Amino acid sequence: MICEKCKGKMNWSIEGATQGWRCPMCGWNIITTYIEDIDRDETEYSLYIKNVTEVDAEK
């Protein structure tokens, strides 16, 4: 993608909760929200804890 301000080549990047095109020459950017797949998972999970009386490496 070409920067609208300086006509330089823009770089695509994801940083934290943002993603978008950034120009390394002038700093102009087009940014939007980035949500990881794990944060969009709507599956309901269950966790069960079993009482273990003897602890060893296998258990």
PDB file of N, CA and C in Angstrom:
ATOM      1  N   MET A   1       0.857  -1.176   0.000  1.00  0.00           N
ATOM      2  CA  MET A   1       0.000   0.000   0.000  1.00  0.00           C
ATOM      3  C   MET A   1       0.900   1.235   0.000  1.00  0.00           C
ATOM      4  N   ILE A   2       0.465   2.268  -0.664  1.00  0.00           N
ATOM      5  CA  ILE A   2       1.221   3.514  -0.785  1.00  0.00           C
ATOM      6  C   ILE A   2       0.614   4.575   0.139  1.00  0.00           C
ATOM      7  N   CYS A   3       1.477   5.273   0.862  1.00  0.00           N
ATOM      8  CA  CYS A   3       1.060   6.322   1.791  1.00  0.00           C
ATOM      9  C   CYS A   3       0.444   7.502   1.035  1.00  0.00           C
ATOM     10  N   GLU A   4      -0.696   7.985   1.503  1.00  0.00           N
ATOM     11  CA  GLU A   4      -1.376   9.118   0.876  1.00  0.00           C
ATOM     12  C   GLU A   4      -0.640  10.438   1.102  1.00  0.00           C
ATOM     13  N   LYS A   5       0.141  10.534   2.177  1.00  0.00           N
ATOM     14  CA  LYS A   5       0.842  11.783   2.488  1.00  0.00           C
ATOM     15  C   LYS A   5       2.177  11.913   1.765  1.00  0.00           C
ATOM     16  N   CYS A   6       3.034  10.897   1.891  1.00  0.00           N
ATOM     17  CA  CYS A   6       4.394  11.024   1.352  1.00  0.00           C
ATOM     18  C   CYS A   6       4.675  10.085   0.182  1.00  0.00           C
ATOM     19  N   LYS A   7       3.702   9.242  -0.173  1.00  0.00           N
ATOM     20  CA  LYS A   7       3.827   8.275  -1.276  1.00  0.00           C
ATOM     21  C   LYS A   7       4.863   7.177  -1.011  1.00  0.00           C
ATOM     22  N   GLY A   8       5.238   6.994   0.261  1.00  0.00           N
ATOM     23  CA  GLY A   8       6.160   5.919   0.629  1.00  0.00           C
ATOM     24  C   GLY A   8       5.428   4.594   0.749  1.00  0.00           C
ATOM     25  N   LYS A   9       6.190   3.520   0.844  1.00  0.00           N
ATOM     26  CA  LYS A   9       5.600   2.189   0.995  1.00  0.00           C
ATOM     27  C   LYS A   9       5.207   1.977   2.453  1.00  0.00           C
ATOM     28  N   MET A  10       3.947   1.606   2.685  1.00  0.00           N
ATOM     29  CA  MET A  10       3.437   1.375   4.037  1.00  0.00           C
ATOM     30  C   MET A  10       3.624  -0.086   4.423  1.00  0.00           C
ATOM     31  N   ASN A  11       3.738  -0.344   5.721  1.00  0.00           N
ATOM     32  CA  ASN A  11       3.915  -1.689   6.257  1.00  0.00           C
ATOM     33  C   ASN A  11       2.670  -2.115   7.023  1.00  0.00           C
ATOM     34  N   TRP A  12       2.269  -3.382   6.851  1.00  0.00           N
ATOM     35  CA  TRP A  12       1.154  -3.967   7.605  1.00  0.00           C
ATOM     36  C   TRP A  12       1.699  -4.502   8.920  1.00  0.00           C
ATOM     37  N   SER A  13       1.013  -4.214  10.019  1.00  0.00           N
ATOM     38  CA  SER A  13       1.472  -4.748  11.294  1.00  0.00           C
ATOM     39  C   SER A  13       0.308  -4.939  12.253  1.00  0.00           C
ATOM     40  N   ILE A  14       0.534  -5.821  13.217  1.00  0.00           N
ATOM     41  CA  ILE A  14      -0.398  -6.050  14.316  1.00  0.00           C
ATOM     42  C   ILE A  14       0.376  -5.787  15.588  1.00  0.00           C
ATOM     43  N   GLU A  15      -0.132  -4.867  16.410  1.00  0.00           N
ATOM     44  CA  GLU A  15       0.514  -4.526  17.678  1.00  0.00           C
ATOM     45  C   GLU A  15      -0.548  -4.487  18.764  1.00  0.00           C
ATOM     46  N   GLY A  16      -0.502  -5.475  19.661  1.00  0.00           N
ATOM     47  CA  GLY A  16      -1.497  -5.519  20.736  1.00  0.00           C
ATOM     48  C   GLY A  16      -2.896  -5.674  20.179  1.00  0.00           C
ATOM     49  N   ALA A  17      -3.770  -4.716  20.478  1.00  0.00           N
ATOM     50  CA  ALA A  17      -5.168  -4.778  20.043  1.00  0.00           C
ATOM     51  C   ALA A  17      -5.425  -3.933  18.801  1.00  0.00           C
ATOM     52  N   THR A  18      -4.357  -3.549  18.061  1.00  0.00           N
ATOM     53  CA  THR A  18      -4.535  -2.774  16.836  1.00  0.00           C
ATOM     54  C   THR A  18      -3.854  -3.455  15.663  1.00  0.00           C
ATOM     55  N   GLN A  19      -4.402  -3.221  14.480  1.00  0.00           N
ATOM     56  CA  GLN A  19      -3.804  -3.715  13.251  1.00  0.00           C
ATOM     57  C   GLN A  19      -3.998  -2.664  12.178  1.00  0.00           C
ATOM     58  N   GLY A  20      -3.113  -2.628  11.215  1.00  0.00           N
ATOM     59  CA  GLY A  20      -3.301  -1.688  10.130  1.00  0.00           C
ATOM     60  C   GLY A  20      -2.026  -1.380   9.377  1.00  0.00           C
ATOM     61  N   TRP A  21      -2.141  -0.409   8.474  1.00  0.00           N
ATOM     62  CA  TRP A  21      -1.044   0.043   7.637  1.00  0.00           C
ATOM     63  C   TRP A  21      -0.376   1.241   8.295  1.00  0.00           C
ATOM     64  N   ARG A  22       0.952   1.211   8.352  1.00  0.00           N
ATOM     65  CA  ARG A  22       1.720   2.311   8.947  1.00  0.00           C
ATOM     66  C   ARG A  22       2.833   2.722   7.996  1.00  0.00           C
ATOM     67  N   CYS A  23       3.045   4.023   7.861  1.00  0.00           N
ATOM     68  CA  CYS A  23       4.112   4.528   7.017  1.00  0.00           C
ATOM     69  C   CYS A  23       5.346   4.784   7.882  1.00  0.00           C
ATOM     70  N   PRO A  24       6.462   4.101   7.610  1.00  0.00           N
ATOM     71  CA  PRO A  24       7.667   4.303   8.405  1.00  0.00           C
ATOM     72  C   PRO A  24       8.352   5.638   8.114  1.00  0.00           C
ATOM     73  N   MET A  25       7.996   6.268   7.005  1.00  0.00           N
ATOM     74  CA  MET A  25       8.647   7.524   6.621  1.00  0.00           C
ATOM     75  C   MET A  25       8.022   8.745   7.302  1.00  0.00           C
ATOM     76  N   CYS A  26       6.691   8.838   7.286  1.00  0.00           N
ATOM     77  CA  CYS A  26       6.047  10.041   7.834  1.00  0.00           C
ATOM     78  C   CYS A  26       5.153   9.761   9.041  1.00  0.00           C
ATOM     79  N   GLY A  27       4.882   8.467   9.332  1.00  0.00           N
ATOM     80  CA  GLY A  27       4.064   8.123  10.492  1.00  0.00           C
ATOM     81  C   GLY A  27       2.572   8.074  10.235  1.00  0.00           C
ATOM     82  N   TRP A  28       2.128   8.377   9.020  1.00  0.00           N
ATOM     83  CA  TRP A  28       0.697   8.322   8.702  1.00  0.00           C
ATOM     84  C   TRP A  28       0.246   6.873   8.783  1.00  0.00           C
ATOM     85  N   ASN A  29      -1.006   6.630   9.226  1.00  0.00           N
ATOM     86  CA  ASN A  29      -1.458   5.252   9.362  1.00  0.00           C
ATOM     87  C   ASN A  29      -2.957   5.108   9.191  1.00  0.00           C
ATOM     88  N   ILE A  30      -3.360   3.890   8.934  1.00  0.00           N
ATOM     89  CA  ILE A  30      -4.766   3.472   8.886  1.00  0.00           C
ATOM     90  C   ILE A  30      -4.862   2.309   9.861  1.00  0.00           C
ATOM     91  N   ILE A  31      -5.567   2.502  10.954  1.00  0.00           N
ATOM     92  CA  ILE A  31      -5.580   1.522  12.044  1.00  0.00           C
ATOM     93  C   ILE A  31      -7.010   1.091  12.375  1.00  0.00           C
ATOM     94  N   THR A  32      -7.164  -0.175  12.752  1.00  0.00           N
ATOM     95  CA  THR A  32      -8.442  -0.691  13.234  1.00  0.00           C
ATOM     96  C   THR A  32      -8.172  -1.666  14.373  1.00  0.00           C
ATOM     97  N   THR A  33      -9.227  -2.128  14.996  1.00  0.00           N
ATOM     98  CA  THR A  33      -9.102  -3.041  16.126  1.00  0.00           C
ATOM     99  C   THR A  33      -8.696  -4.434  15.655  1.00  0.00           C
ATOM    100  N   TYR A  34      -7.860  -5.087  16.435  1.00  0.00           N
ATOM    101  CA  TYR A  34      -7.474  -6.473  16.187  1.00  0.00           C
ATOM    102  C   TYR A  34      -7.914  -7.305  17.382  1.00  0.00           C
ATOM    103  N   ILE A  35      -8.724  -8.333  17.128  1.00  0.00           N
ATOM    104  CA  ILE A  35      -9.195  -9.226  18.184  1.00  0.00           C
ATOM    105  C   ILE A  35      -8.710 -10.627  17.854  1.00  0.00           C
ATOM    106  N   GLU A  36      -7.931 -11.208  18.752  1.00  0.00           N
ATOM    107  CA  GLU A  36      -7.396 -12.546  18.531  1.00  0.00           C
ATOM    108  C   GLU A  36      -8.526 -13.579  18.504  1.00  0.00           C
ATOM    109  N   ASP A  37      -8.291 -14.681  17.790  1.00  0.00           N
ATOM    110  CA  ASP A  37      -9.294 -15.749  17.676  1.00  0.00           C
ATOM    111  C   ASP A  37      -9.737 -16.261  19.040  1.00  0.00           C
ATOM    112  N   ILE A  38      -8.809 -16.384  19.979  1.00  0.00           N
ATOM    113  CA  ILE A  38      -9.144 -16.907  21.309  1.00  0.00           C
ATOM    114  C   ILE A  38     -10.147 -16.003  22.017  1.00  0.00           C
ATOM    115  N   ASP A  39     -10.100 -14.707  21.752  1.00  0.00           N
ATOM    116  CA  ASP A  39     -11.031 -13.768  22.375  1.00  0.00           C
ATOM    117  C   ASP A  39     -12.409 -13.780  21.719  1.00  0.00           C
ATOM    118  N   ARG A  40     -12.505 -14.372  20.517  1.00  0.00           N
ATOM    119  CA  ARG A  40     -13.794 -14.472  19.828  1.00  0.00           C
ATOM    120  C   ARG A  40     -14.472 -15.817  20.046  1.00  0.00           C
ATOM    121  N   ASP A  41     -13.809 -16.719  20.746  1.00  0.00           N
ATOM    122  CA  ASP A  41     -14.333 -18.061  20.995  1.00  0.00           C
ATOM    123  C   ASP A  41     -15.530 -17.975  21.940  1.00  0.00           C
ATOM    124  N   GLU A  42     -16.696 -18.370  21.466  1.00  0.00           N
ATOM    125  CA  GLU A  42     -17.915 -18.313  22.275  1.00  0.00           C
ATOM    126  C   GLU A  42     -18.311 -19.684  22.824  1.00  0.00           C
ATOM    127  N   THR A  43     -17.421 -20.666  22.696  1.00  0.00           N
ATOM    128  CA  THR A  43     -17.686 -22.010  23.199  1.00  0.00           C
ATOM    129  C   THR A  43     -17.681 -21.995  24.721  1.00  0.00           C
ATOM    130  N   GLU A  44     -18.649 -22.687  25.319  1.00  0.00           N
ATOM    131  CA  GLU A  44     -18.693 -22.804  26.777  1.00  0.00           C
ATOM    132  C   GLU A  44     -17.929 -24.059  27.173  1.00  0.00           C
ATOM    133  N   TYR A  45     -16.932 -23.871  28.005  1.00  0.00           N
ATOM    134  CA  TYR A  45     -16.096 -24.985  28.454  1.00  0.00           C
ATOM    135  C   TYR A  45     -16.405 -25.305  29.906  1.00  0.00           C
ATOM    136  N   SER A  46     -16.138 -26.562  30.297  1.00  0.00           N
ATOM    137  CA  SER A  46     -16.292 -26.986  31.687  1.00  0.00           C
ATOM    138  C   SER A  46     -14.963 -27.530  32.173  1.00  0.00           C
ATOM    139  N   LEU A  47     -14.691 -27.296  33.431  1.00  0.00           N
ATOM    140  CA  LEU A  47     -13.462 -27.772  34.043  1.00  0.00           C
ATOM    141  C   LEU A  47     -13.842 -28.577  35.268  1.00  0.00           C
ATOM    142  N   TYR A  48     -13.331 -29.794  35.343  1.00  0.00           N
ATOM    143  CA  TYR A  48     -13.621 -30.665  36.471  1.00  0.00           C
ATOM    144  C   TYR A  48     -12.320 -30.958  37.206  1.00  0.00           C
ATOM    145  N   ILE A  49     -12.350 -30.872  38.516  1.00  0.00           N
ATOM    146  CA  ILE A  49     -11.178 -31.149  39.333  1.00  0.00           C
ATOM    147  C   ILE A  49     -11.414 -32.447  40.087  1.00  0.00           C
ATOM    148  N   LYS A  50     -10.462 -33.369  39.938  1.00  0.00           N
ATOM    149  CA  LYS A  50     -10.566 -34.669  40.582  1.00  0.00           C
ATOM    150  C   LYS A  50      -9.638 -34.673  41.796  1.00  0.00           C
ATOM    151  N   ASN A  51     -10.141 -35.161  42.917  1.00  0.00           N
ATOM    152  CA  ASN A  51      -9.347 -35.237  44.133  1.00  0.00           C
ATOM    153  C   ASN A  51      -8.342 -36.386  44.000  1.00  0.00           C
ATOM    154  N   VAL A  52      -7.078 -36.059  44.114  1.00  0.00           N
ATOM    155  CA  VAL A  52      -6.018 -37.062  44.031  1.00  0.00           C
ATOM    156  C   VAL A  52      -5.382 -37.161  45.399  1.00  0.00           C
ATOM    157  N   THR A  53      -5.371 -38.393  45.943  1.00  0.00           N
ATOM    158  CA  THR A  53      -4.800 -38.562  47.289  1.00  0.00           C
ATOM    159  C   THR A  53      -3.300 -38.831  47.260  1.00  0.00           C
ATOM    160  N   GLU A  54      -2.823 -39.492  46.227  1.00  0.00           N
ATOM    161  CA  GLU A  54      -1.396 -39.766  46.107  1.00  0.00           C
ATOM    162  C   GLU A  54      -0.858 -38.962  44.916  1.00  0.00           C
ATOM    163  N   VAL A  55       0.098 -38.098  45.164  1.00  0.00           N
ATOM    164  CA  VAL A  55       0.659 -37.259  44.120  1.00  0.00           C
ATOM    165  C   VAL A  55       1.976 -37.850  43.635  1.00  0.00           C
ATOM    166  N   ASP A  56       2.075 -38.047  42.300  1.00  0.00           N
ATOM    167  CA  ASP A  56       3.329 -38.436  41.694  1.00  0.00           C
ATOM    168  C   ASP A  56       3.440 -37.749  40.320  1.00  0.00           C
ATOM    169  N   ALA A  57       4.531 -37.951  39.626  1.00  0.00           N
ATOM    170  CA  ALA A  57       4.773 -37.256  38.363  1.00  0.00           C
ATOM    171  C   ALA A  57       3.718 -37.601  37.303  1.00  0.00           C
ATOM    172  N   GLU A  58       3.210 -38.828  37.307  1.00  0.00           N
ATOM    173  CA  GLU A  58       2.230 -39.231  36.314  1.00  0.00           C
ATOM    174  C   GLU A  58       0.870 -38.572  36.524  1.00  0.00           C
ATOM    175  N   LYS A  59       0.480 -38.437  37.785  1.00  0.00           N
ATOM    176  CA  LYS A  59      -0.830 -37.861  38.100  1.00  0.00           C
ATOM    177  C   LYS A  59      -0.790 -36.360  37.984  1.00  0.00           C
TER     178      LYS A  59
END
